[in-house]
Amino acid sequence: VCRLEDGKRLVSVLSVNRMFDSPEVRNEIAEYREDE
C-alpha cells in the first residue's frame, strides 16, 4: 500500500502474479490465447 498526500490517499499495489496465481484462471486464459 502506498501512503500519498500525508496518508489521505491510499493506493493498493497489485501483483500480476497474484492476480493470476490460480491454475484455473491461467488455464482459462491459455484457452483463448494464440500459440506463440
PDB file of all heavy atoms in Angstrom:
ATOM      1  N   VAL A   1       0.844  -1.192   0.000  1.00  0.00           N
ATOM      2  CA  VAL A   1       0.000   0.000   0.000  1.00  0.00           C
ATOM      3  C   VAL A   1       0.879   1.241   0.000  1.00  0.00           C
ATOM      4  O   VAL A   1       1.853   1.316   0.765  1.00  0.00           O
ATOM      5  CB  VAL A   1      -0.946   0.023   1.227  1.00  0.00           C
ATOM      6  CG1 VAL A   1      -1.773   1.305   1.237  1.00  0.00           C
ATOM      7  CG2 VAL A   1      -1.848  -1.199   1.226  1.00  0.00           C
ATOM      8  N   CYS A   2       0.548   2.217  -0.869  1.00  0.00           N
ATOM      9  CA  CYS A   2       1.261   3.494  -0.909  1.00  0.00           C
ATOM     10  C   CYS A   2       0.470   4.531  -0.116  1.00  0.00           C
ATOM     11  O   CYS A   2      -0.744   4.665  -0.303  1.00  0.00           O
ATOM     12  CB  CYS A   2       1.421   3.989  -2.344  1.00  0.00           C
ATOM     13  SG  CYS A   2       2.402   2.920  -3.390  1.00  0.00           S
ATOM     14  N   ARG A   3       1.169   5.268   0.747  1.00  0.00           N
ATOM     15  CA  ARG A   3       0.529   6.340   1.522  1.00  0.00           C
ATOM     16  C   ARG A   3       0.931   7.675   0.895  1.00  0.00           C
ATOM     17  O   ARG A   3       2.063   8.141   1.068  1.00  0.00           O
ATOM     18  CB  ARG A   3       0.979   6.280   2.980  1.00  0.00           C
ATOM     19  CG  ARG A   3       0.749   4.931   3.650  1.00  0.00           C
ATOM     20  CD  ARG A   3       1.154   4.970   5.128  1.00  0.00           C
ATOM     21  NE  ARG A   3       2.498   5.507   5.308  1.00  0.00           N
ATOM     22  CZ  ARG A   3       3.618   4.795   5.159  1.00  0.00           C
ATOM     23  NH1 ARG A   3       3.542   3.521   4.824  1.00  0.00           N
ATOM     24  NH2 ARG A   3       4.796   5.338   5.355  1.00  0.00           N
ATOM     25  N   LEU A   4      -0.002   8.272   0.177  1.00  0.00           N
ATOM     26  CA  LEU A   4       0.261   9.531  -0.511  1.00  0.00           C
ATOM     27  C   LEU A   4      -0.535  10.662   0.132  1.00  0.00           C
ATOM     28  O   LEU A   4      -1.526  10.426   0.828  1.00  0.00           O
ATOM     29  CB  LEU A   4      -0.117   9.407  -1.990  1.00  0.00           C
ATOM     30  CG  LEU A   4       0.523   8.248  -2.768  1.00  0.00           C
ATOM     31  CD1 LEU A   4       0.040   8.242  -4.211  1.00  0.00           C
ATOM     32  CD2 LEU A   4       2.038   8.317  -2.709  1.00  0.00           C
ATOM     33  N   GLU A   5      -0.069  11.897  -0.129  1.00  0.00           N
ATOM     34  CA  GLU A   5      -0.735  13.105   0.380  1.00  0.00           C
ATOM     35  C   GLU A   5      -0.937  13.006   1.893  1.00  0.00           C
ATOM     36  O   GLU A   5      -2.041  13.215   2.411  1.00  0.00           O
ATOM     37  CB  GLU A   5      -2.061  13.329  -0.346  1.00  0.00           C
ATOM     38  CG  GLU A   5      -1.894  13.516  -1.852  1.00  0.00           C
ATOM     39  CD  GLU A   5      -3.219  13.627  -2.592  1.00  0.00           C
ATOM     40  OE1 GLU A   5      -4.274  13.727  -1.916  1.00  0.00           O
ATOM     41  OE2 GLU A   5      -3.196  13.618  -3.832  1.00  0.00           O
ATOM     42  N   ASP A   6       0.168  12.720   2.590  1.00  0.00           N
ATOM     43  CA  ASP A   6       0.164  12.617   4.058  1.00  0.00           C
ATOM     44  C   ASP A   6      -0.845  11.598   4.565  1.00  0.00           C
ATOM     45  O   ASP A   6      -1.483  11.787   5.616  1.00  0.00           O
ATOM     46  CB  ASP A   6      -0.124  13.985   4.694  1.00  0.00           C
ATOM     47  CG  ASP A   6       0.979  14.988   4.396  1.00  0.00           C
ATOM     48  OD1 ASP A   6       2.144  14.570   4.310  1.00  0.00           O
ATOM     49  OD2 ASP A   6       0.666  16.187   4.242  1.00  0.00           O
ATOM     50  N   GLY A   7      -1.002  10.510   3.823  1.00  0.00           N
ATOM     51  CA  GLY A   7      -1.881   9.438   4.258  1.00  0.00           C
ATOM     52  C   GLY A   7      -3.331   9.625   3.876  1.00  0.00           C
ATOM     53  O   GLY A   7      -4.151   8.724   4.122  1.00  0.00           O
ATOM     54  N   LYS A   8      -3.684  10.749   3.250  1.00  0.00           N
ATOM     55  CA  LYS A   8      -5.072  10.974   2.849  1.00  0.00           C
ATOM     56  C   LYS A   8      -5.442  10.146   1.627  1.00  0.00           C
ATOM     57  O   LYS A   8      -6.629   9.959   1.346  1.00  0.00           O
ATOM     58  CB  LYS A   8      -5.297  12.459   2.563  1.00  0.00           C
ATOM     59  CG  LYS A   8      -5.064  13.358   3.768  1.00  0.00           C
ATOM     60  CD  LYS A   8      -5.223  14.822   3.383  1.00  0.00           C
ATOM     61  CE  LYS A   8      -4.921  15.734   4.572  1.00  0.00           C
ATOM     62  NZ  LYS A   8      -5.024  17.171   4.180  1.00  0.00           N
ATOM     63  N   ARG A   9      -4.449   9.700   0.895  1.00  0.00           N
ATOM     64  CA  ARG A   9      -4.695   8.935  -0.329  1.00  0.00           C
ATOM     65  C   ARG A   9      -3.927   7.626  -0.256  1.00  0.00           C
ATOM     66  O   ARG A   9      -2.692   7.619  -0.193  1.00  0.00           O
ATOM     67  CB  ARG A   9      -4.248   9.757  -1.537  1.00  0.00           C
ATOM     68  CG  ARG A   9      -4.383   9.050  -2.877  1.00  0.00           C
ATOM     69  CD  ARG A   9      -3.812   9.953  -3.955  1.00  0.00           C
ATOM     70  NE  ARG A   9      -3.788   9.318  -5.260  1.00  0.00           N
ATOM     71  CZ  ARG A   9      -3.097   9.803  -6.306  1.00  0.00           C
ATOM     72  NH1 ARG A   9      -2.400  10.917  -6.179  1.00  0.00           N
ATOM     73  NH2 ARG A   9      -3.119   9.166  -7.461  1.00  0.00           N
ATOM     74  N   LEU A  10      -4.641   6.531  -0.246  1.00  0.00           N
ATOM     75  CA  LEU A  10      -4.025   5.212  -0.176  1.00  0.00           C
ATOM     76  C   LEU A  10      -4.217   4.498  -1.511  1.00  0.00           C
ATOM     77  O   LEU A  10      -5.331   4.428  -2.032  1.00  0.00           O
ATOM     78  CB  LEU A  10      -4.653   4.380   0.944  1.00  0.00           C
ATOM     79  CG  LEU A  10      -4.514   4.945   2.369  1.00  0.00           C
ATOM     80  CD1 LEU A  10      -5.201   4.022   3.365  1.00  0.00           C
ATOM     81  CD2 LEU A  10      -3.052   5.158   2.738  1.00  0.00           C
ATOM     82  N   VAL A  11      -3.131   3.975  -2.053  1.00  0.00           N
ATOM     83  CA  VAL A  11      -3.166   3.262  -3.326  1.00  0.00           C
ATOM     84  C   VAL A  11      -2.694   1.837  -3.084  1.00  0.00           C
ATOM     85  O   VAL A  11      -1.568   1.620  -2.618  1.00  0.00           O
ATOM     86  CB  VAL A  11      -2.270   3.949  -4.383  1.00  0.00           C
ATOM     87  CG1 VAL A  11      -2.318   3.173  -5.700  1.00  0.00           C
ATOM     88  CG2 VAL A  11      -2.697   5.394  -4.594  1.00  0.00           C
ATOM     89  N   SER A  12      -3.535   0.872  -3.402  1.00  0.00           N
ATOM     90  CA  SER A  12      -3.188  -0.535  -3.223  1.00  0.00           C
ATOM     91  C   SER A  12      -2.407  -1.022  -4.439  1.00  0.00           C
ATOM     92  O   SER A  12      -2.894  -0.935  -5.569  1.00  0.00           O
ATOM     93  CB  SER A  12      -4.459  -1.376  -3.053  1.00  0.00           C
ATOM     94  OG  SER A  12      -5.184  -0.964  -1.912  1.00  0.00           O
ATOM     95  N   VAL A  13      -1.200  -1.526  -4.203  1.00  0.00           N
ATOM     96  CA  VAL A  13      -0.338  -2.010  -5.278  1.00  0.00           C
ATOM     97  C   VAL A  13      -0.598  -3.498  -5.474  1.00  0.00           C
ATOM     98  O   VAL A  13      -0.456  -4.297  -4.537  1.00  0.00           O
ATOM     99  CB  VAL A  13       1.149  -1.768  -4.964  1.00  0.00           C
ATOM    100  CG1 VAL A  13       2.021  -2.250  -6.126  1.00  0.00           C
ATOM    101  CG2 VAL A  13       1.395  -0.289  -4.702  1.00  0.00           C
ATOM    102  N   LEU A  14      -0.996  -3.863  -6.695  1.00  0.00           N
ATOM    103  CA  LEU A  14      -1.317  -5.247  -7.009  1.00  0.00           C
ATOM    104  C   LEU A  14      -0.118  -5.964  -7.593  1.00  0.00           C
ATOM    105  O   LEU A  14       0.801  -5.351  -8.132  1.00  0.00           O
ATOM    106  CB  LEU A  14      -2.485  -5.305  -7.999  1.00  0.00           C
ATOM    107  CG  LEU A  14      -3.765  -4.569  -7.588  1.00  0.00           C
ATOM    108  CD1 LEU A  14      -4.788  -4.663  -8.706  1.00  0.00           C
ATOM    109  CD2 LEU A  14      -4.314  -5.120  -6.287  1.00  0.00           C
ATOM    110  N   SER A  15      -0.161  -7.271  -7.517  1.00  0.00           N
ATOM    111  CA  SER A  15       0.848  -8.125  -8.126  1.00  0.00           C
ATOM    112  C   SER A  15       0.199  -8.912  -9.256  1.00  0.00           C
ATOM    113  O   SER A  15      -0.827  -9.571  -9.042  1.00  0.00           O
ATOM    114  CB  SER A  15       1.443  -9.080  -7.093  1.00  0.00           C
ATOM    115  OG  SER A  15       2.171 -10.116  -7.725  1.00  0.00           O
ATOM    116  N   VAL A  16       0.770  -8.825 -10.445  1.00  0.00           N
ATOM    117  CA  VAL A  16       0.225  -9.566 -11.583  1.00  0.00           C
ATOM    118  C   VAL A  16       0.236 -11.059 -11.296  1.00  0.00           C
ATOM    119  O   VAL A  16      -0.737 -11.773 -11.579  1.00  0.00           O
ATOM    120  CB  VAL A  16       1.019  -9.243 -12.864  1.00  0.00           C
ATOM    121  CG1 VAL A  16       0.603 -10.171 -14.007  1.00  0.00           C
ATOM    122  CG2 VAL A  16       0.802  -7.796 -13.273  1.00  0.00           C
ATOM    123  N   ASN A  17       1.328 -11.534 -10.732  1.00  0.00           N
ATOM    124  CA  ASN A  17       1.416 -12.970 -10.457  1.00  0.00           C
ATOM    125  C   ASN A  17       0.316 -13.427  -9.494  1.00  0.00           C
ATOM    126  O   ASN A  17      -0.263 -14.500  -9.655  1.00  0.00           O
ATOM    127  CB  ASN A  17       2.794 -13.310  -9.883  1.00  0.00           C
ATOM    128  CG  ASN A  17       3.882 -13.198 -10.921  1.00  0.00           C
ATOM    129  OD1 ASN A  17       3.627 -13.363 -12.116  1.00  0.00           O
ATOM    130  ND2 ASN A  17       5.103 -12.903 -10.491  1.00  0.00           N
ATOM    131  N   ARG A  18       0.033 -12.587  -8.482  1.00  0.00           N
ATOM    132  CA  ARG A  18      -1.006 -12.963  -7.532  1.00  0.00           C
ATOM    133  C   ARG A  18      -2.397 -12.860  -8.151  1.00  0.00           C
ATOM    134  O   ARG A  18      -3.297 -13.629  -7.796  1.00  0.00           O
ATOM    135  CB  ARG A  18      -0.919 -12.087  -6.286  1.00  0.00           C
ATOM    136  CG  ARG A  18       0.356 -12.294  -5.489  1.00  0.00           C
ATOM    137  CD  ARG A  18       0.355 -11.465  -4.229  1.00  0.00           C
ATOM    138  NE  ARG A  18       1.612 -11.584  -3.502  1.00  0.00           N
ATOM    139  CZ  ARG A  18       1.863 -10.990  -2.330  1.00  0.00           C
ATOM    140  NH1 ARG A  18       0.921 -10.238  -1.782  1.00  0.00           N
ATOM    141  NH2 ARG A  18       3.022 -11.146  -1.744  1.00  0.00           N
ATOM    142  N   MET A  19      -2.580 -11.911  -9.069  1.00  0.00           N
ATOM    143  CA  MET A  19      -3.880 -11.763  -9.731  1.00  0.00           C
ATOM    144  C   MET A  19      -4.234 -13.003 -10.531  1.00  0.00           C
ATOM    145  O   MET A  19      -5.399 -13.399 -10.619  1.00  0.00           O
ATOM    146  CB  MET A  19      -3.861 -10.541 -10.653  1.00  0.00           C
ATOM    147  CG  MET A  19      -3.915  -9.207  -9.928  1.00  0.00           C
ATOM    148  SD  MET A  19      -3.496  -7.828 -11.028  1.00  0.00           S
ATOM    149  CE  MET A  19      -4.652  -8.068 -12.364  1.00  0.00           C
ATOM    150  N   PHE A  20      -3.191 -13.625 -11.117  1.00  0.00           N
ATOM    151  CA  PHE A  20      -3.430 -14.789 -11.973  1.00  0.00           C
ATOM    152  C   PHE A  20      -2.734 -16.031 -11.410  1.00  0.00           C
ATOM    153  O   PHE A  20      -2.244 -16.872 -12.137  1.00  0.00           O
ATOM    154  CB  PHE A  20      -2.935 -14.497 -13.389  1.00  0.00           C
ATOM    155  CG  PHE A  20      -3.596 -13.300 -14.013  1.00  0.00           C
ATOM    156  CD1 PHE A  20      -2.923 -12.100 -14.122  1.00  0.00           C
ATOM    157  CD2 PHE A  20      -4.903 -13.378 -14.472  1.00  0.00           C
ATOM    158  CE1 PHE A  20      -3.534 -10.989 -14.682  1.00  0.00           C
ATOM    159  CE2 PHE A  20      -5.516 -12.268 -15.043  1.00  0.00           C
ATOM    160  CZ  PHE A  20      -4.835 -11.066 -15.145  1.00  0.00           C
ATOM    161  N   ASP A  21      -2.714 -16.112 -10.081  1.00  0.00           N
ATOM    162  CA  ASP A  21      -1.997 -17.210  -9.435  1.00  0.00           C
ATOM    163  C   ASP A  21      -2.749 -18.527  -9.532  1.00  0.00           C
ATOM    164  O   ASP A  21      -2.155 -19.596  -9.515  1.00  0.00           O
ATOM    165  CB  ASP A  21      -1.744 -16.847  -7.962  1.00  0.00           C
ATOM    166  CG  ASP A  21      -0.827 -17.848  -7.281  1.00  0.00           C
ATOM    167  OD1 ASP A  21       0.258 -18.092  -7.836  1.00  0.00           O
ATOM    168  OD2 ASP A  21      -1.189 -18.367  -6.222  1.00  0.00           O
ATOM    169  N   SER A  22      -4.038 -18.444  -9.675  1.00  0.00           N
ATOM    170  CA  SER A  22      -4.849 -19.664  -9.684  1.00  0.00           C
ATOM    171  C   SER A  22      -4.603 -20.462 -10.967  1.00  0.00           C
ATOM    172  O   SER A  22      -4.669 -19.905 -12.065  1.00  0.00           O
ATOM    173  CB  SER A  22      -6.333 -19.305  -9.576  1.00  0.00           C
ATOM    174  OG  SER A  22      -7.135 -20.404  -9.921  1.00  0.00           O
ATOM    175  N   PRO A  23      -4.320 -21.760 -10.877  1.00  0.00           N
ATOM    176  CA  PRO A  23      -4.158 -22.585 -12.085  1.00  0.00           C
ATOM    177  C   PRO A  23      -5.398 -22.567 -12.959  1.00  0.00           C
ATOM    178  O   PRO A  23      -5.299 -22.611 -14.184  1.00  0.00           O
ATOM    179  CB  PRO A  23      -3.886 -23.993 -11.523  1.00  0.00           C
ATOM    180  CG  PRO A  23      -3.373 -23.764 -10.138  1.00  0.00           C
ATOM    181  CD  PRO A  23      -4.075 -22.549  -9.642  1.00  0.00           C
ATOM    182  N   GLU A  24      -6.584 -22.491 -12.319  1.00  0.00           N
ATOM    183  CA  GLU A  24      -7.813 -22.463 -13.103  1.00  0.00           C
ATOM    184  C   GLU A  24      -7.869 -21.225 -13.989  1.00  0.00           C
ATOM    185  O   GLU A  24      -8.244 -21.291 -15.162  1.00  0.00           O
ATOM    186  CB  GLU A  24      -9.040 -22.496 -12.179  1.00  0.00           C
ATOM    187  CG  GLU A  24      -9.211 -23.802 -11.418  1.00  0.00           C
ATOM    188  CD  GLU A  24      -8.299 -23.876 -10.194  1.00  0.00           C
ATOM    189  OE1 GLU A  24      -7.625 -22.866  -9.894  1.00  0.00           O
ATOM    190  OE2 GLU A  24      -8.242 -24.947  -9.557  1.00  0.00           O
ATOM    191  N   VAL A  25      -7.485 -20.068 -13.414  1.00  0.00           N
ATOM    192  CA  VAL A  25      -7.518 -18.819 -14.180  1.00  0.00           C
ATOM    193  C   VAL A  25      -6.503 -18.876 -15.314  1.00  0.00           C
ATOM    194  O   VAL A  25      -6.786 -18.477 -16.449  1.00  0.00           O
ATOM    195  CB  VAL A  25      -7.253 -17.617 -13.257  1.00  0.00           C
ATOM    196  CG1 VAL A  25      -7.141 -16.335 -14.075  1.00  0.00           C
ATOM    197  CG2 VAL A  25      -8.356 -17.488 -12.221  1.00  0.00           C
ATOM    198  N   ARG A  26      -5.303 -19.384 -15.036  1.00  0.00           N
ATOM    199  CA  ARG A  26      -4.280 -19.464 -16.085  1.00  0.00           C
ATOM    200  C   ARG A  26      -4.728 -20.388 -17.214  1.00  0.00           C
ATOM    201  O   ARG A  26      -4.463 -20.111 -18.384  1.00  0.00           O
ATOM    202  CB  ARG A  26      -2.954 -19.955 -15.493  1.00  0.00           C
ATOM    203  CG  ARG A  26      -2.287 -18.919 -14.591  1.00  0.00           C
ATOM    204  CD  ARG A  26      -0.963 -19.431 -14.040  1.00  0.00           C
ATOM    205  NE  ARG A  26      -0.320 -18.420 -13.229  1.00  0.00           N
ATOM    206  CZ  ARG A  26       0.537 -17.514 -13.699  1.00  0.00           C
ATOM    207  NH1 ARG A  26       0.830 -17.509 -14.990  1.00  0.00           N
ATOM    208  NH2 ARG A  26       1.086 -16.624 -12.905  1.00  0.00           N
ATOM    209  N   ASN A  27      -5.397 -21.464 -16.870  1.00  0.00           N
ATOM    210  CA  ASN A  27      -5.893 -22.387 -17.905  1.00  0.00           C
ATOM    211  C   ASN A  27      -6.973 -21.714 -18.743  1.00  0.00           C
ATOM    212  O   ASN A  27      -7.037 -21.906 -19.962  1.00  0.00           O
ATOM    213  CB  ASN A  27      -6.430 -23.667 -17.260  1.00  0.00           C
ATOM    214  CG  ASN A  27      -5.318 -24.520 -16.674  1.00  0.00           C
ATOM    215  OD1 ASN A  27      -4.161 -24.416 -17.095  1.00  0.00           O
ATOM    216  ND2 ASN A  27      -5.666 -25.349 -15.690  1.00  0.00           N
ATOM    217  N   GLU A  28      -7.839 -20.914 -18.087  1.00  0.00           N
ATOM    218  CA  GLU A  28      -8.871 -20.189 -18.831  1.00  0.00           C
ATOM    219  C   GLU A  28      -8.241 -19.262 -19.865  1.00  0.00           C
ATOM    220  O   GLU A  28      -8.655 -19.209 -21.023  1.00  0.00           O
ATOM    221  CB  GLU A  28      -9.738 -19.374 -17.869  1.00  0.00           C
ATOM    222  CG  GLU A  28     -10.639 -20.205 -16.972  1.00  0.00           C
ATOM    223  CD  GLU A  28     -11.374 -19.338 -15.971  1.00  0.00           C
ATOM    224  OE1 GLU A  28     -11.286 -18.093 -16.101  1.00  0.00           O
ATOM    225  OE2 GLU A  28     -12.020 -19.874 -15.069  1.00  0.00           O
ATOM    226  N   ILE A  29      -7.225 -18.526 -19.434  1.00  0.00           N
ATOM    227  CA  ILE A  29      -6.570 -17.567 -20.328  1.00  0.00           C
ATOM    228  C   ILE A  29      -5.861 -18.298 -21.460  1.00  0.00           C
ATOM    229  O   ILE A  29      -5.916 -17.886 -22.623  1.00  0.00           O
ATOM    230  CB  ILE A  29      -5.578 -16.702 -19.531  1.00  0.00           C
ATOM    231  CG1 ILE A  29      -6.346 -15.833 -18.527  1.00  0.00           C
ATOM    232  CG2 ILE A  29      -4.732 -15.836 -20.465  1.00  0.00           C
ATOM    233  CD1 ILE A  29      -5.451 -15.098 -17.561  1.00  0.00           C
ATOM    234  N   ALA A  30      -5.197 -19.405 -21.122  1.00  0.00           N
ATOM    235  CA  ALA A  30      -4.444 -20.146 -22.133  1.00  0.00           C
ATOM    236  C   ALA A  30      -5.343 -20.658 -23.250  1.00  0.00           C
ATOM    237  O   ALA A  30      -4.931 -20.757 -24.405  1.00  0.00           O
ATOM    238  CB  ALA A  30      -3.692 -21.300 -21.478  1.00  0.00           C
ATOM    239  N   GLU A  31      -6.604 -20.957 -22.926  1.00  0.00           N
ATOM    240  CA  GLU A  31      -7.522 -21.486 -23.941  1.00  0.00           C
ATOM    241  C   GLU A  31      -7.842 -20.462 -25.019  1.00  0.00           C
ATOM    242  O   GLU A  31      -8.169 -20.811 -26.145  1.00  0.00           O
ATOM    243  CB  GLU A  31      -8.827 -21.936 -23.266  1.00  0.00           C
ATOM    244  CG  GLU A  31      -8.662 -23.174 -22.394  1.00  0.00           C
ATOM    245  CD  GLU A  31      -9.973 -23.558 -21.736  1.00  0.00           C
ATOM    246  OE1 GLU A  31     -11.007 -22.977 -22.132  1.00  0.00           O
ATOM    247  OE2 GLU A  31      -9.958 -24.406 -20.839  1.00  0.00           O
ATOM    248  N   TYR A  32      -7.739 -19.173 -24.677  1.00  0.00           N
ATOM    249  CA  TYR A  32      -8.139 -18.131 -25.619  1.00  0.00           C
ATOM    250  C   TYR A  32      -6.949 -17.323 -26.114  1.00  0.00           C
ATOM    251  O   TYR A  32      -7.102 -16.249 -26.670  1.00  0.00           O
ATOM    252  CB  TYR A  32      -9.160 -17.201 -24.950  1.00  0.00           C
ATOM    253  CG  TYR A  32     -10.273 -17.971 -24.326  1.00  0.00           C
ATOM    254  CD1 TYR A  32     -10.394 -18.062 -22.951  1.00  0.00           C
ATOM    255  CD2 TYR A  32     -11.178 -18.672 -25.122  1.00  0.00           C
ATOM    256  CE1 TYR A  32     -11.404 -18.798 -22.370  1.00  0.00           C
ATOM    257  CE2 TYR A  32     -12.187 -19.416 -24.555  1.00  0.00           C
ATOM    258  CZ  TYR A  32     -12.292 -19.484 -23.177  1.00  0.00           C
ATOM    259  OH  TYR A  32     -13.284 -20.228 -22.606  1.00  0.00           O
ATOM    260  N   ARG A  33      -5.752 -17.833 -25.905  1.00  0.00           N
ATOM    261  CA  ARG A  33      -4.548 -17.151 -26.383  1.00  0.00           C
ATOM    262  C   ARG A  33      -3.972 -17.928 -27.548  1.00  0.00           C
ATOM    263  O   ARG A  33      -3.914 -19.152 -27.529  1.00  0.00           O
ATOM    264  CB  ARG A  33      -3.508 -17.057 -25.250  1.00  0.00           C
ATOM    265  CG  ARG A  33      -2.216 -16.387 -25.671  1.00  0.00           C
ATOM    266  CD  ARG A  33      -1.289 -16.236 -24.464  1.00  0.00           C
ATOM    267  NE  ARG A  33      -1.001 -17.515 -23.838  1.00  0.00           N
ATOM    268  CZ  ARG A  33      -0.090 -18.366 -24.278  1.00  0.00           C
ATOM    269  NH1 ARG A  33       0.627 -18.067 -25.344  1.00  0.00           N
ATOM    270  NH2 ARG A  33       0.119 -19.501 -23.661  1.00  0.00           N
ATOM    271  N   GLU A  34      -3.536 -17.186 -28.585  1.00  0.00           N
ATOM    272  CA  GLU A  34      -2.901 -17.840 -29.720  1.00  0.00           C
ATOM    273  C   GLU A  34      -1.580 -18.450 -29.279  1.00  0.00           C
ATOM    274  O   GLU A  34      -0.863 -17.896 -28.442  1.00  0.00           O
ATOM    275  CB  GLU A  34      -2.625 -16.812 -30.832  1.00  0.00           C
ATOM    276  CG  GLU A  34      -3.851 -16.340 -31.541  1.00  0.00           C
ATOM    277  CD  GLU A  34      -3.480 -15.414 -32.673  1.00  0.00           C
ATOM    278  OE1 GLU A  34      -2.559 -14.614 -32.500  1.00  0.00           O
ATOM    279  OE2 GLU A  34      -4.105 -15.512 -33.732  1.00  0.00           O
ATOM    280  N   ASP A  35      -1.254 -19.595 -29.841  1.00  0.00           N
ATOM    281  CA  ASP A  35       0.026 -20.223 -29.517  1.00  0.00           C
ATOM    282  C   ASP A  35       1.152 -19.377 -30.062  1.00  0.00           C
ATOM    283  O   ASP A  35       1.183 -19.026 -31.232  1.00  0.00           O
ATOM    284  CB  ASP A  35       0.108 -21.633 -30.118  1.00  0.00           C
ATOM    285  CG  ASP A  35      -0.865 -22.581 -29.439  1.00  0.00           C
ATOM    286  OD1 ASP A  35      -1.167 -22.354 -28.256  1.00  0.00           O
ATOM    287  OD2 ASP A  35      -1.311 -23.546 -30.118  1.00  0.00           O
ATOM    288  N   GLU A  36       2.111 -19.024 -29.179  1.00  0.00           N
ATOM    289  CA  GLU A  36       3.249 -18.211 -29.577  1.00  0.00           C
ATOM    290  C   GLU A  36       4.521 -18.835 -29.018  1.00  0.00           C
ATOM    291  O   GLU A  36       5.222 -18.239 -28.210  1.00  0.00           O
ATOM    292  CB  GLU A  36       3.100 -16.782 -29.048  1.00  0.00           C
ATOM    293  CG  GLU A  36       1.839 -16.082 -29.543  1.00  0.00           C
ATOM    294  CD  GLU A  36       1.657 -14.736 -28.869  1.00  0.00           C
ATOM    295  OE1 GLU A  36       1.186 -14.722 -27.734  1.00  0.00           O
ATOM    296  OE2 GLU A  36       2.017 -13.713 -29.478  1.00  0.00           O
TER     297      GLU A  36
END
